[in-house]
Amino acid sequence: MIGNINIGADDVATARIFYDAILAPLGYTVEAFDDGLEYTLPHEPKAVDIYICRPFNEAPATAGNGMMVAFQAARQAQVHELHAAGLAAGGTDEGQPGFRPTYSPEFYVGYLRDPQGNKIAVFSANPDEPGRDD
């Protein structure tokens, strides 16, 4: 079981603008601590907490090659909304929302980089919405 996810940020204030834009609509609340942030889902006790903070070794934060955090949205329209919100909050596009030919027909995803360069995905796999092959 995953205990938590840490995402490194040299500028926590800038990171907060980005993560507030994509996590608050998903129900996460944020609490500031020392030089970092903790995002939690208060209504889901088994959910993984997300920490945005300076690296503990005090070296500059760097984006991990091949490392990505994916957040689940309720529907395809929300994937679009969160992708746009992330871009407006300082993120960069890594792949517009849509279906991908190599993923399952229900998997609808958009990709971003946060202001630090960390790769973020927002996806929906809602079986009640049209799939790639519909």
C-alpha atoms as a PDB file:
ATOM      1  CA  MET A   1       0.000   0.000   0.000  1.00  0.00           C
ATOM      2  CA  ILE A   2       1.259   3.485  -0.821  1.00  0.00           C
ATOM      3  CA  GLY A   3       1.543   5.677   2.267  1.00  0.00           C
ATOM      4  CA  ASN A   4       1.926   9.050   0.574  1.00  0.00           C
ATOM      5  CA  ILE A   5       3.349  10.769  -2.495  1.00  0.00           C
ATOM      6  CA  ASN A   6       5.966  13.522  -2.251  1.00  0.00           C
ATOM      7  CA  ILE A   7       6.388  15.901  -5.186  1.00  0.00           C
ATOM      8  CA  GLY A   8       9.450  18.117  -5.021  1.00  0.00           C
ATOM      9  CA  ALA A   9       9.128  21.850  -5.518  1.00  0.00           C
ATOM     10  CA  ASP A  10      11.742  24.576  -5.177  1.00  0.00           C
ATOM     11  CA  ASP A  11       9.017  27.244  -5.163  1.00  0.00           C
ATOM     12  CA  VAL A  12       6.189  25.919  -3.005  1.00  0.00           C
ATOM     13  CA  ALA A  13       4.046  29.049  -3.464  1.00  0.00           C
ATOM     14  CA  THR A  14       4.077  28.639  -7.253  1.00  0.00           C
ATOM     15  CA  ALA A  15       3.436  24.901  -6.906  1.00  0.00           C
ATOM     16  CA  ARG A  16       0.450  25.635  -4.673  1.00  0.00           C
ATOM     17  CA  ILE A  17      -1.249  27.694  -7.400  1.00  0.00           C
ATOM     18  CA  PHE A  18      -0.942  24.720  -9.790  1.00  0.00           C
ATOM     19  CA  TYR A  19      -1.969  21.980  -7.341  1.00  0.00           C
ATOM     20  CA  ASP A  20      -4.840  24.012  -5.865  1.00  0.00           C
ATOM     21  CA  ALA A  21      -6.177  24.383  -9.432  1.00  0.00           C
ATOM     22  CA  ILE A  22      -6.223  20.645 -10.135  1.00  0.00           C
ATOM     23  CA  LEU A  23      -6.691  19.065  -6.690  1.00  0.00           C
ATOM     24  CA  ALA A  24      -9.338  21.277  -5.058  1.00  0.00           C
ATOM     25  CA  PRO A  25     -11.960  20.342  -7.713  1.00  0.00           C
ATOM     26  CA  LEU A  26     -11.251  16.675  -6.933  1.00  0.00           C
ATOM     27  CA  GLY A  27     -12.108  17.249  -3.259  1.00  0.00           C
ATOM     28  CA  TYR A  28      -8.610  17.609  -1.805  1.00  0.00           C
ATOM     29  CA  THR A  29      -8.044  20.079   1.013  1.00  0.00           C
ATOM     30  CA  VAL A  30      -4.659  21.658   1.633  1.00  0.00           C
ATOM     31  CA  GLU A  31      -2.767  22.420   4.807  1.00  0.00           C
ATOM     32  CA  ALA A  32       0.499  24.352   4.852  1.00  0.00           C
ATOM     33  CA  PHE A  33       3.355  23.145   7.046  1.00  0.00           C
ATOM     34  CA  ASP A  34       6.870  24.571   7.501  1.00  0.00           C
ATOM     35  CA  ASP A  35       8.039  24.835   3.885  1.00  0.00           C
ATOM     36  CA  GLY A  36       5.462  22.588   2.246  1.00  0.00           C
ATOM     37  CA  LEU A  37       1.872  21.577   1.613  1.00  0.00           C
ATOM     38  CA  GLU A  38      -0.208  18.515   2.424  1.00  0.00           C
ATOM     39  CA  TYR A  39      -3.209  17.676   0.223  1.00  0.00           C
ATOM     40  CA  THR A  40      -5.710  15.191   1.628  1.00  0.00           C
ATOM     41  CA  LEU A  41      -9.098  13.740   0.778  1.00  0.00           C
ATOM     42  CA  PRO A  42     -10.866  14.198   4.106  1.00  0.00           C
ATOM     43  CA  HIS A  43     -13.806  11.952   3.236  1.00  0.00           C
ATOM     44  CA  GLU A  44     -11.653   8.995   2.132  1.00  0.00           C
ATOM     45  CA  PRO A  45      -9.456   7.724   4.986  1.00  0.00           C
ATOM     46  CA  LYS A  46      -7.659   5.195   2.747  1.00  0.00           C
ATOM     47  CA  ALA A  47      -6.669   7.836   0.165  1.00  0.00           C
ATOM     48  CA  VAL A  48      -3.007   8.677  -0.309  1.00  0.00           C
ATOM     49  CA  ASP A  49      -1.857  12.075   0.978  1.00  0.00           C
ATOM     50  CA  ILE A  50       0.031  14.288  -1.460  1.00  0.00           C
ATOM     51  CA  TYR A  51       2.945  16.358  -0.135  1.00  0.00           C
ATOM     52  CA  ILE A  52       4.426  19.270  -2.085  1.00  0.00           C
ATOM     53  CA  CYS A  53       7.685  20.346  -0.501  1.00  0.00           C
ATOM     54  CA  ARG A  54      11.343  21.108  -0.896  1.00  0.00           C
ATOM     55  CA  PRO A  55      13.438  17.915  -1.083  1.00  0.00           C
ATOM     56  CA  PHE A  56      14.533  16.704   2.332  1.00  0.00           C
ATOM     57  CA  ASN A  57      18.176  16.567   1.244  1.00  0.00           C
ATOM     58  CA  GLU A  58      17.958  20.315   0.474  1.00  0.00           C
ATOM     59  CA  ALA A  59      19.208  19.782  -3.093  1.00  0.00           C
ATOM     60  CA  PRO A  60      17.206  21.334  -5.951  1.00  0.00           C
ATOM     61  CA  ALA A  61      14.001  19.532  -6.881  1.00  0.00           C
ATOM     62  CA  THR A  62      14.152  17.774 -10.244  1.00  0.00           C
ATOM     63  CA  ALA A  63      11.503  15.977 -12.260  1.00  0.00           C
ATOM     64  CA  GLY A  64      12.036  12.218 -12.337  1.00  0.00           C
ATOM     65  CA  ASN A  65      12.357  10.736 -15.809  1.00  0.00           C
ATOM     66  CA  GLY A  66       9.540   8.216 -16.106  1.00  0.00           C
ATOM     67  CA  MET A  67       7.917   9.389 -12.862  1.00  0.00           C
ATOM     68  CA  MET A  68       4.294  10.539 -13.081  1.00  0.00           C
ATOM     69  CA  VAL A  69       1.390  11.023 -10.690  1.00  0.00           C
ATOM     70  CA  ALA A  70      -2.121  10.402 -12.057  1.00  0.00           C
ATOM     71  CA  PHE A  71      -5.280  11.830 -10.505  1.00  0.00           C
ATOM     72  CA  GLN A  72      -8.685  10.334 -11.264  1.00  0.00           C
ATOM     73  CA  ALA A  73     -11.498  12.625 -12.371  1.00  0.00           C
ATOM     74  CA  ALA A  74     -15.168  11.687 -12.289  1.00  0.00           C
ATOM     75  CA  ARG A  75     -15.838  12.266 -15.985  1.00  0.00           C
ATOM     76  CA  GLN A  76     -14.224  13.238 -19.268  1.00  0.00           C
ATOM     77  CA  ALA A  77     -15.422  16.844 -19.052  1.00  0.00           C
ATOM     78  CA  GLN A  78     -13.657  17.171 -15.707  1.00  0.00           C
ATOM     79  CA  VAL A  79     -10.420  15.954 -17.317  1.00  0.00           C
ATOM     80  CA  HIS A  80     -10.717  18.899 -19.740  1.00  0.00           C
ATOM     81  CA  GLU A  81     -11.524  21.315 -16.909  1.00  0.00           C
ATOM     82  CA  LEU A  82      -8.580  20.225 -14.766  1.00  0.00           C
ATOM     83  CA  HIS A  83      -6.155  20.182 -17.700  1.00  0.00           C
ATOM     84  CA  ALA A  84      -7.182  23.764 -18.585  1.00  0.00           C
ATOM     85  CA  ALA A  85      -6.979  24.825 -14.930  1.00  0.00           C
ATOM     86  CA  GLY A  86      -3.486  23.373 -14.648  1.00  0.00           C
ATOM     87  CA  LEU A  87      -2.352  25.268 -17.753  1.00  0.00           C
ATOM     88  CA  ALA A  88      -3.863  28.504 -16.435  1.00  0.00           C
ATOM     89  CA  ALA A  89      -2.075  27.931 -13.108  1.00  0.00           C
ATOM     90  CA  GLY A  90       1.405  27.746 -14.641  1.00  0.00           C
ATOM     91  CA  GLY A  91       1.559  24.183 -15.928  1.00  0.00           C
ATOM     92  CA  THR A  92       2.586  23.152 -19.441  1.00  0.00           C
ATOM     93  CA  ASP A  93       0.833  20.802 -21.840  1.00  0.00           C
ATOM     94  CA  GLU A  94       2.221  17.281 -22.222  1.00  0.00           C
ATOM     95  CA  GLY A  95      -0.764  15.862 -24.094  1.00  0.00           C
ATOM     96  CA  GLN A  96      -4.254  17.218 -24.661  1.00  0.00           C
ATOM     97  CA  PRO A  97      -7.156  15.307 -23.093  1.00  0.00           C
ATOM     98  CA  GLY A  98      -8.417  12.405 -25.152  1.00  0.00           C
ATOM     99  CA  PHE A  99      -8.218   8.688 -25.783  1.00  0.00           C
ATOM    100  CA  ARG A 100      -4.889   7.019 -26.571  1.00  0.00           C
ATOM    101  CA  PRO A 101      -4.716   4.075 -28.989  1.00  0.00           C
ATOM    102  CA  THR A 102      -2.501   2.007 -26.681  1.00  0.00           C
ATOM    103  CA  TYR A 103      -4.713   2.384 -23.583  1.00  0.00           C
ATOM    104  CA  SER A 104      -8.021   0.701 -22.782  1.00  0.00           C
ATOM    105  CA  PRO A 105     -11.030   2.090 -24.679  1.00  0.00           C
ATOM    106  CA  GLU A 106     -12.465   3.717 -21.525  1.00  0.00           C
ATOM    107  CA  PHE A 107      -9.257   5.462 -20.413  1.00  0.00           C
ATOM    108  CA  TYR A 108      -9.530   9.196 -21.176  1.00  0.00           C
ATOM    109  CA  VAL A 109      -6.472  11.205 -20.125  1.00  0.00           C
ATOM    110  CA  GLY A 110      -4.711  14.568 -20.314  1.00  0.00           C
ATOM    111  CA  TYR A 111      -1.077  15.214 -19.379  1.00  0.00           C
ATOM    112  CA  LEU A 112       0.610  18.240 -17.810  1.00  0.00           C
ATOM    113  CA  ARG A 113       3.898  19.317 -16.311  1.00  0.00           C
ATOM    114  CA  ASP A 114       3.692  21.301 -13.095  1.00  0.00           C
ATOM    115  CA  PRO A 115       5.803  24.488 -12.775  1.00  0.00           C
ATOM    116  CA  GLN A 116       8.726  22.390 -11.458  1.00  0.00           C
ATOM    117  CA  GLY A 117       8.547  19.997 -14.446  1.00  0.00           C
ATOM    118  CA  ASN A 118       6.893  17.025 -12.699  1.00  0.00           C
ATOM    119  CA  LYS A 119       4.605  15.044 -15.002  1.00  0.00           C
ATOM    120  CA  ILE A 120       0.948  14.898 -13.958  1.00  0.00           C
ATOM    121  CA  ALA A 121      -1.939  12.994 -15.557  1.00  0.00           C
ATOM    122  CA  VAL A 122      -5.637  13.600 -15.040  1.00  0.00           C
ATOM    123  CA  PHE A 123      -7.811  10.725 -16.227  1.00  0.00           C
ATOM    124  CA  SER A 124     -11.309   9.306 -16.261  1.00  0.00           C
ATOM    125  CA  ALA A 125     -12.294   5.715 -16.885  1.00  0.00           C
ATOM    126  CA  ASN A 126     -16.003   6.211 -16.290  1.00  0.00           C
ATOM    127  CA  PRO A 127     -17.879   3.235 -17.830  1.00  0.00           C
ATOM    128  CA  ASP A 128     -21.032   5.363 -18.169  1.00  0.00           C
ATOM    129  CA  GLU A 129     -19.395   7.659 -20.758  1.00  0.00           C
ATOM    130  CA  PRO A 130     -18.626   6.896 -24.402  1.00  0.00           C
ATOM    131  CA  GLY A 131     -15.367   5.065 -24.963  1.00  0.00           C
ATOM    132  CA  ARG A 132     -12.795   5.364 -27.713  1.00  0.00           C
ATOM    133  CA  ASP A 133     -14.550   2.747 -29.845  1.00  0.00           C
ATOM    134  CA  ASP A 134     -18.130   4.062 -29.394  1.00  0.00           C
END
